[in-house]
Amino acid sequence: MLIARTLTKILIEDAKKAPVLAILGPRQSGKTTVAREAFPKHSYVSLEDYDVREFATTDPRKFLKDHENENGIILDEVQHVPTLLSYIQTSVDLQRRPGYYILTGSQNFTVNQAITQTLAGRISIHTLLPLSIDELKQAGNLPETSETLLLKGLYPIIYGQDYDPTKWYRDYLRTYVERDVRTLGKVEDLSTFVRFLKLCAGRIGQPANFASLAADTGISAATAKAWLSILEASYIIFLLQPHYKNFSRRLVKTPKIFFFDPGLACSLLGIEDEKQLQTHYLRGGLFETMIISDLHKQFYNIDRAPHIYFWGDKQHEVDCIIERAEQLFPIEIKAGQTISGSYFSGLTYWNDLANADPAHGFVVYAGDTNSTRSAGNIIGWRQAGTLVDRIRAL
């Protein structure tokens, strides 16, 4: 079953203006499906195919000429032949055809570096992450409980082809993550890297302590930092940065580790069923990573940069801060299904410290009730998929 993606409409509109569109995101996030659905008359070429890749590398001019047509070309996984972008630039400069080149890429660093050098001013760049909560909800595929969603994750293929998540994530780790790691970082000891990845999952929602990660993995701190960069470039993790505004002199300044997909994190942690998840010490961190990654998706799906942070000092913390037009919107994220007054302690402290309007604060929790209280707004996890729209309307 094909699940409609919010980004499709924006891609079609941008193709009326920009000669080149790039769709970046992790493997299996749906980039190819979206590109082919949005541009059905374009020819499609996969650079995953070794023979095609060799042709594009050794004779790029003839490669592009052979695929010339009146509609355009979709070049899938363009990070395999970054030198091709220079020839696309020449083609665009000679004949500026809106929406002619559609590029997809699974390695953020590799593709962005090449784009910056060659296609600046000629390209519209978009990020497609795995399914959002709202996309699943609109398709009628949103699970009944947040625990089920945490375990299944949000990769489209799991819903479209009814895969067993436990097996799929194990295969995903082996066939995609390890292959990209070889390409990006020239990591020779993959078993050590996988141990490092599992240790990252064990620190989900916690500060990125390079020295601790390095010591536990048996690598140097510099290697730990480099490996985290590889995971970021492959859209496996993201580092949530602390908000910079100095409401307190003793701010936490270390970014936190989160995963873009909770299902992959559950797999790395060895969590295979809801019973295990309900009692796991990282249940709160997994729920938090699902909500914060979904906030990223909501911004990317409307083609906006996500200005998302956390805030904390030595005694207090706010799980998430969204900055918009110099306004700050604090969000607390709680994995419990019963609302407690303690859920608002971070918001109350923040509102007093920042002299903020409580109406701009939110508690997202694993229950279903939505309400407004004097200390802030309560949002059930099912409704969290449209939180960015609500904030943009304030």
Protein backbone atom coordinates (compact mmCIF):
# COMPACT_ATOMS: atom_id res chain seq x y z
CA MET A 1 0.00 0.00 0.00
CA LEU A 2 1.32 3.42 -1.00
CA ILE A 3 1.12 6.02 1.78
CA ALA A 4 0.78 9.60 0.55
CA ARG A 5 3.70 11.83 1.51
CA THR A 6 3.19 15.46 2.49
CA LEU A 7 6.31 16.60 0.65
CA THR A 8 5.06 15.49 -2.79
CA LYS A 9 2.98 18.60 -3.41
CA ILE A 10 5.88 20.92 -2.57
CA LEU A 11 8.22 19.00 -4.88
CA ILE A 12 5.81 19.38 -7.79
CA GLU A 13 5.51 23.11 -7.16
CA ASP A 14 9.27 23.64 -6.80
CA ALA A 15 9.88 21.74 -10.05
CA LYS A 16 8.09 24.55 -11.87
CA LYS A 17 10.94 26.90 -10.94
CA ALA A 18 14.20 25.17 -10.03
CA PRO A 19 16.08 23.25 -12.76
CA VAL A 20 17.39 20.72 -10.22
CA LEU A 21 15.63 19.20 -7.21
CA ALA A 22 17.39 17.09 -4.60
CA ILE A 23 15.55 14.74 -2.25
CA LEU A 24 17.83 13.71 0.60
CA GLY A 25 17.15 11.28 3.41
CA PRO A 26 17.98 7.87 4.84
CA ARG A 27 17.80 4.71 2.78
CA GLN A 28 14.29 3.28 2.52
CA SER A 29 12.66 6.55 3.62
CA GLY A 30 10.66 6.62 0.37
CA LYS A 31 12.75 8.99 -1.75
CA THR A 32 12.58 6.91 -4.93
CA THR A 33 8.85 6.26 -4.57
CA VAL A 34 8.11 9.96 -4.02
CA ALA A 35 10.32 11.03 -6.94
CA ARG A 36 8.71 8.58 -9.36
CA GLU A 37 5.21 9.37 -8.15
CA ALA A 38 5.72 13.15 -8.39
CA PHE A 39 7.47 12.96 -11.78
CA PRO A 40 6.03 9.91 -13.60
CA LYS A 41 7.14 11.09 -17.06
CA HIS A 42 10.78 11.48 -16.11
CA SER A 43 13.18 8.72 -17.08
CA TYR A 44 14.57 6.85 -14.08
CA VAL A 45 18.19 5.82 -13.59
CA SER A 46 19.53 4.09 -10.48
CA LEU A 47 23.17 4.73 -9.69
CA GLU A 48 23.08 1.80 -7.28
CA ASP A 49 23.62 -0.41 -10.35
CA TYR A 50 27.37 -0.88 -10.70
CA ASP A 51 27.39 -0.90 -14.52
CA VAL A 52 25.31 2.28 -14.67
CA ARG A 53 27.54 3.88 -12.06
CA GLU A 54 30.68 3.00 -14.03
CA PHE A 55 29.19 4.50 -17.21
CA ALA A 56 28.26 7.71 -15.38
CA THR A 57 31.74 7.92 -13.86
CA THR A 58 33.82 7.21 -16.95
CA ASP A 59 31.78 9.08 -19.56
CA PRO A 60 29.41 11.50 -17.81
CA ARG A 61 28.65 13.60 -20.90
CA LYS A 62 27.52 10.59 -22.93
CA PHE A 63 25.67 9.22 -19.90
CA LEU A 64 23.55 12.38 -19.64
CA LYS A 65 23.11 12.59 -23.42
CA ASP A 66 21.90 8.98 -23.64
CA HIS A 67 19.22 9.72 -21.05
CA GLU A 68 18.16 13.01 -22.63
CA ASN A 69 14.38 13.33 -23.05
CA GLU A 70 11.72 16.02 -23.15
CA ASN A 71 10.53 15.55 -19.56
CA GLY A 72 13.56 15.03 -17.33
CA ILE A 73 15.73 12.53 -15.48
CA ILE A 74 15.53 11.03 -11.99
CA LEU A 75 19.03 10.12 -10.82
CA ASP A 76 18.69 7.83 -7.82
CA GLU A 77 21.41 7.69 -5.11
CA VAL A 78 23.54 10.34 -6.77
CA GLN A 79 26.12 10.24 -3.97
CA HIS A 80 27.71 7.31 -5.80
CA VAL A 81 28.86 9.62 -8.62
CA PRO A 82 29.26 13.12 -7.12
CA THR A 83 31.40 14.21 -10.08
CA LEU A 84 28.28 13.94 -12.23
CA LEU A 85 26.98 17.14 -10.63
CA SER A 86 29.56 19.27 -12.44
CA TYR A 87 28.21 18.07 -15.79
CA ILE A 88 24.65 18.67 -14.63
CA GLN A 89 25.71 22.23 -13.80
CA THR A 90 27.00 22.71 -17.35
CA SER A 91 23.77 21.28 -18.76
CA VAL A 92 21.67 23.57 -16.60
CA ASP A 93 23.68 26.65 -17.53
CA LEU A 94 23.30 25.88 -21.23
CA GLN A 95 19.62 25.00 -21.09
CA ARG A 96 17.68 25.95 -17.95
CA ARG A 97 14.71 23.56 -17.89
CA PRO A 98 12.59 23.73 -14.72
CA GLY A 99 12.40 20.45 -12.83
CA TYR A 100 14.50 18.57 -15.36
CA TYR A 101 16.95 16.92 -12.98
CA ILE A 102 15.58 15.13 -9.90
CA LEU A 103 18.33 13.81 -7.63
CA THR A 104 18.05 11.56 -4.60
CA GLY A 105 20.77 10.89 -2.06
CA SER A 106 21.23 8.92 1.15
CA GLN A 107 24.41 10.51 2.43
CA ASN A 108 23.89 14.04 3.62
CA PHE A 109 27.55 15.06 3.85
CA THR A 110 28.63 13.64 0.49
CA VAL A 111 25.74 15.11 -1.49
CA ASN A 112 25.65 18.47 0.27
CA GLN A 113 29.36 18.98 -0.20
CA ALA A 114 29.08 18.32 -3.94
CA ILE A 115 25.98 20.51 -4.24
CA THR A 116 27.66 23.40 -2.44
CA GLN A 117 30.57 23.25 -4.83
CA THR A 118 28.64 22.89 -8.09
CA LEU A 119 24.90 23.55 -8.01
CA ALA A 120 24.46 26.52 -5.68
CA GLY A 121 21.72 28.77 -7.02
CA ARG A 122 20.43 26.09 -9.37
CA ILE A 123 18.97 23.54 -6.97
CA SER A 124 16.10 23.19 -4.50
CA ILE A 125 17.03 20.82 -1.66
CA HIS A 126 14.47 18.82 0.31
CA THR A 127 14.73 16.29 3.13
CA LEU A 128 12.48 13.23 3.26
CA LEU A 129 12.65 11.31 6.53
CA PRO A 130 10.61 8.16 7.29
CA LEU A 131 6.86 8.50 7.74
CA SER A 132 5.48 11.12 10.10
CA ILE A 133 2.79 10.47 12.68
CA ASP A 134 0.33 12.55 10.67
CA GLU A 135 1.10 10.73 7.40
CA LEU A 136 0.34 7.42 9.10
CA LYS A 137 -2.77 8.87 10.67
CA GLN A 138 -4.08 10.25 7.37
CA ALA A 139 -3.50 6.84 5.75
CA GLY A 140 -5.38 5.05 8.53
CA ASN A 141 -2.23 3.16 9.53
CA LEU A 142 -1.42 4.74 12.87
CA PRO A 143 -1.10 1.98 15.50
CA GLU A 144 -3.42 1.87 18.48
CA THR A 145 -0.68 2.46 21.03
CA SER A 146 2.50 4.50 21.13
CA GLU A 147 4.39 1.34 22.19
CA THR A 148 3.43 -0.39 18.94
CA LEU A 149 4.63 2.61 16.95
CA LEU A 150 7.92 2.72 18.85
CA LEU A 151 8.57 -0.94 18.03
CA LYS A 152 7.45 -0.82 14.41
CA GLY A 153 9.17 2.47 13.68
CA LEU A 154 8.13 4.60 10.74
CA TYR A 155 9.88 3.29 7.65
CA PRO A 156 7.30 3.07 4.80
CA ILE A 157 8.15 -0.47 3.72
CA ILE A 158 7.11 -1.88 7.11
CA TYR A 159 3.58 -0.56 6.54
CA GLY A 160 3.42 -0.93 2.77
CA GLN A 161 4.55 -4.57 2.70
CA ASP A 162 3.75 -5.70 6.24
CA TYR A 163 7.30 -6.68 7.17
CA ASP A 164 8.23 -8.10 10.54
CA PRO A 165 9.99 -5.08 12.13
CA THR A 166 12.43 -7.20 14.15
CA LYS A 167 13.78 -8.95 11.07
CA TRP A 168 13.58 -5.89 8.82
CA TYR A 169 15.64 -3.66 11.12
CA ARG A 170 18.26 -6.38 11.54
CA ASP A 171 18.56 -6.65 7.77
CA TYR A 172 18.50 -2.87 7.38
CA LEU A 173 21.42 -2.51 9.73
CA ARG A 174 23.41 -5.10 7.85
CA THR A 175 22.63 -4.18 4.23
CA TYR A 176 22.40 -0.40 4.41
CA VAL A 177 24.06 1.08 7.48
CA GLU A 178 27.18 -1.06 7.25
CA ARG A 179 27.52 -0.45 3.51
CA ASP A 180 27.20 3.32 3.92
CA VAL A 181 29.68 3.23 6.76
CA ARG A 182 32.26 1.63 4.48
CA THR A 183 31.67 4.32 1.87
CA LEU A 184 31.61 7.33 4.16
CA GLY A 185 34.11 6.55 6.84
CA LYS A 186 36.31 3.75 5.57
CA VAL A 187 35.54 1.86 8.77
CA GLU A 188 37.25 -1.50 8.57
CA ASP A 189 36.17 -3.00 11.89
CA LEU A 190 32.41 -3.12 11.40
CA SER A 191 31.79 -5.20 14.52
CA THR A 192 33.30 -2.42 16.64
CA PHE A 193 31.25 0.16 14.78
CA VAL A 194 28.02 -1.79 15.39
CA ARG A 195 28.92 -2.00 19.09
CA PHE A 196 29.40 1.77 19.01
CA LEU A 197 25.98 2.18 17.36
CA LYS A 198 24.35 0.04 20.05
CA LEU A 199 26.03 2.13 22.73
CA CYS A 200 24.59 5.24 21.07
CA ALA A 201 21.14 3.66 21.31
CA GLY A 202 21.80 3.01 24.98
CA ARG A 203 22.44 6.74 25.44
CA ILE A 204 19.36 7.95 23.60
CA GLY A 205 18.18 11.28 24.99
CA GLN A 206 21.43 11.70 26.92
CA PRO A 207 24.38 14.07 26.39
CA ALA A 208 26.86 13.02 23.71
CA ASN A 209 29.84 12.24 25.91
CA PHE A 210 32.57 11.41 23.40
CA ALA A 211 35.06 10.27 26.03
CA SER A 212 32.56 7.87 27.61
CA LEU A 213 31.45 6.46 24.25
CA ALA A 214 35.06 6.01 23.21
CA ALA A 215 36.08 4.28 26.44
CA ASP A 216 33.11 1.88 26.34
CA THR A 217 33.74 1.05 22.67
CA GLY A 218 37.52 0.80 22.94
CA ILE A 219 38.27 3.60 20.47
CA SER A 220 39.70 7.11 20.69
CA ALA A 221 37.52 10.14 21.44
CA ALA A 222 38.38 11.53 17.99
CA THR A 223 37.15 8.30 16.37
CA ALA A 224 33.94 8.43 18.43
CA LYS A 225 33.31 11.96 17.21
CA ALA A 226 34.01 10.95 13.60
CA TRP A 227 31.69 7.94 13.85
CA LEU A 228 28.89 10.09 15.24
CA SER A 229 29.34 12.33 12.20
CA ILE A 230 28.97 9.28 9.94
CA LEU A 231 25.72 8.35 11.68
CA GLU A 232 24.47 11.91 11.26
CA ALA A 233 25.42 11.92 7.58
CA SER A 234 23.50 8.67 7.07
CA TYR A 235 20.38 10.08 8.79
CA ILE A 236 20.57 7.47 11.55
CA ILE A 237 21.01 9.87 14.47
CA PHE A 238 20.80 13.58 15.08
CA LEU A 239 22.39 15.65 17.81
CA LEU A 240 19.88 17.95 19.49
CA GLN A 241 21.72 21.15 20.33
CA PRO A 242 21.16 23.14 23.53
CA HIS A 243 19.42 26.47 23.13
CA TYR A 244 21.88 29.29 23.35
CA LYS A 245 19.85 31.99 25.13
CA ASN A 246 21.48 32.60 28.48
CA PHE A 247 18.58 32.67 30.94
CA SER A 248 20.95 31.04 33.39
CA ARG A 249 24.73 31.15 33.66
CA ARG A 250 25.02 27.42 34.29
CA LEU A 251 23.51 26.11 31.09
CA VAL A 252 23.99 22.59 29.79
CA LYS A 253 26.04 22.98 26.60
CA THR A 254 26.50 19.39 25.40
CA PRO A 255 24.17 18.16 22.60
CA LYS A 256 22.00 15.09 23.14
CA ILE A 257 21.87 11.92 21.05
CA PHE A 258 18.59 11.00 19.35
CA PHE A 259 17.65 8.56 16.59
CA PHE A 260 15.54 9.53 13.59
CA ASP A 261 13.65 6.24 13.90
CA PRO A 262 12.59 4.65 17.21
CA GLY A 263 12.15 1.21 15.62
CA LEU A 264 15.82 1.06 14.69
CA ALA A 265 16.77 2.17 18.20
CA CYS A 266 14.53 -0.54 19.71
CA SER A 267 16.18 -3.11 17.47
CA LEU A 268 19.66 -2.03 18.55
CA LEU A 269 18.56 -2.27 22.19
CA GLY A 270 17.21 -5.80 21.68
CA ILE A 271 13.62 -4.80 22.45
CA GLU A 272 11.28 -7.13 20.54
CA ASP A 273 7.85 -6.79 22.16
CA GLU A 274 5.69 -4.33 24.06
CA LYS A 275 6.15 -6.10 27.38
CA GLN A 276 9.90 -5.53 27.18
CA LEU A 277 9.38 -1.93 26.10
CA GLN A 278 6.99 -1.08 28.93
CA THR A 279 9.58 -1.87 31.58
CA HIS A 280 12.70 -0.78 29.71
CA TYR A 281 14.79 1.93 31.33
CA LEU A 282 14.90 3.84 28.01
CA ARG A 283 11.16 3.82 27.32
CA GLY A 284 11.01 7.56 28.07
CA GLY A 285 14.00 8.29 25.83
CA LEU A 286 12.51 6.25 22.97
CA PHE A 287 9.20 8.10 23.24
CA GLU A 288 11.11 11.37 23.32
CA THR A 289 13.12 10.48 20.21
CA MET A 290 9.90 9.60 18.35
CA ILE A 291 8.26 12.95 19.14
CA ILE A 292 11.34 15.12 18.53
CA SER A 293 12.16 13.36 15.26
CA ASP A 294 8.54 13.85 14.22
CA LEU A 295 8.85 17.58 14.86
CA HIS A 296 11.81 17.56 12.46
CA LYS A 297 9.65 15.76 9.89
CA GLN A 298 6.84 18.29 10.27
CA PHE A 299 9.23 21.12 9.40
CA TYR A 300 10.93 19.29 6.53
CA ASN A 301 7.55 18.27 5.09
CA ILE A 302 6.60 21.92 4.67
CA ASP A 303 10.08 22.80 3.39
CA ARG A 304 11.15 24.70 6.48
CA ALA A 305 14.37 24.38 8.46
CA PRO A 306 13.72 22.91 11.91
CA HIS A 307 14.99 25.22 14.64
CA ILE A 308 14.66 22.68 17.43
CA TYR A 309 16.69 22.58 20.63
CA PHE A 310 16.55 21.55 24.27
CA TRP A 311 17.24 23.75 27.25
CA GLY A 312 18.71 22.96 30.61
CA ASP A 313 20.71 24.22 33.53
CA LYS A 314 22.14 22.23 36.42
CA GLN A 315 18.77 21.69 38.11
CA HIS A 316 16.08 22.06 35.44
CA GLU A 317 15.42 21.03 31.86
CA VAL A 318 12.93 21.50 29.04
CA ASP A 319 12.93 18.55 26.65
CA CYS A 320 12.41 20.57 23.49
CA ILE A 321 12.41 24.22 22.45
CA ILE A 322 11.10 25.33 19.07
CA GLU A 323 12.34 28.72 17.95
CA ARG A 324 10.24 30.60 15.44
CA ALA A 325 10.65 34.25 14.51
CA GLU A 326 12.46 34.88 17.80
CA GLN A 327 9.58 33.32 19.75
CA LEU A 328 10.31 30.27 21.87
CA PHE A 329 7.88 27.39 22.38
CA PRO A 330 8.84 24.96 25.18
CA ILE A 331 7.70 21.33 24.91
CA GLU A 332 7.88 18.66 27.59
CA ILE A 333 7.66 15.05 26.40
CA LYS A 334 6.39 12.33 28.77
CA ALA A 335 5.99 8.61 28.06
CA GLY A 336 3.33 8.12 30.73
CA GLN A 337 -0.35 7.73 29.85
CA THR A 338 -1.68 9.44 32.98
CA ILE A 339 -1.28 13.18 33.30
CA SER A 340 0.61 14.27 36.39
CA GLY A 341 1.16 17.72 37.81
CA SER A 342 4.90 17.02 37.72
CA TYR A 343 4.71 17.03 33.90
CA PHE A 344 4.46 20.82 34.08
CA SER A 345 7.38 21.48 36.42
CA GLY A 346 9.82 22.19 33.59
CA LEU A 347 7.36 24.46 31.80
CA THR A 348 6.53 26.36 34.99
CA TYR A 349 10.20 26.96 35.73
CA TRP A 350 10.82 28.02 32.14
CA ASN A 351 7.83 30.38 32.04
CA ASP A 352 8.95 32.10 35.25
CA LEU A 353 12.57 32.36 34.13
CA ALA A 354 11.85 33.55 30.58
CA ASN A 355 8.73 35.56 31.45
CA ALA A 356 6.96 33.45 28.81
CA ASP A 357 3.28 32.99 28.01
CA PRO A 358 2.08 29.57 29.30
CA ALA A 359 -0.20 29.37 26.25
CA HIS A 360 2.95 28.83 24.17
CA GLY A 361 4.02 25.77 26.18
CA PHE A 362 3.07 22.14 25.54
CA VAL A 363 3.21 18.75 27.22
CA VAL A 364 3.15 15.85 24.74
CA TYR A 365 2.38 12.56 26.46
CA ALA A 366 1.52 8.94 25.59
CA GLY A 367 -2.17 9.32 26.38
CA ASP A 368 -5.05 10.59 24.25
CA THR A 369 -6.50 13.60 26.10
CA ASN A 370 -6.03 17.12 24.76
CA SER A 371 -6.68 20.04 27.06
CA THR A 372 -5.50 23.45 28.13
CA ARG A 373 -4.31 24.24 31.64
CA SER A 374 -2.97 27.36 33.26
CA ALA A 375 0.59 26.01 33.04
CA GLY A 376 0.37 24.96 29.36
CA ASN A 377 -1.32 22.79 26.76
CA ILE A 378 -1.66 18.99 26.91
CA ILE A 379 -1.30 17.12 23.62
CA GLY A 380 -1.86 13.39 23.18
CA TRP A 381 0.70 11.57 21.06
CA ARG A 382 -1.81 10.99 18.24
CA GLN A 383 -2.29 14.73 17.84
CA ALA A 384 1.41 15.56 18.14
CA GLY A 385 1.79 15.08 14.40
CA THR A 386 0.30 18.53 13.73
CA LEU A 387 1.98 20.40 16.60
CA VAL A 388 4.15 22.48 14.27
CA ASP A 389 1.06 23.71 12.41
CA ARG A 390 -0.46 24.71 15.73
CA ILE A 391 2.67 26.59 16.75
CA ARG A 392 2.87 28.35 13.39
CA ALA A 393 -0.70 29.54 13.88
CA LEU A 394 0.05 31.19 17.24
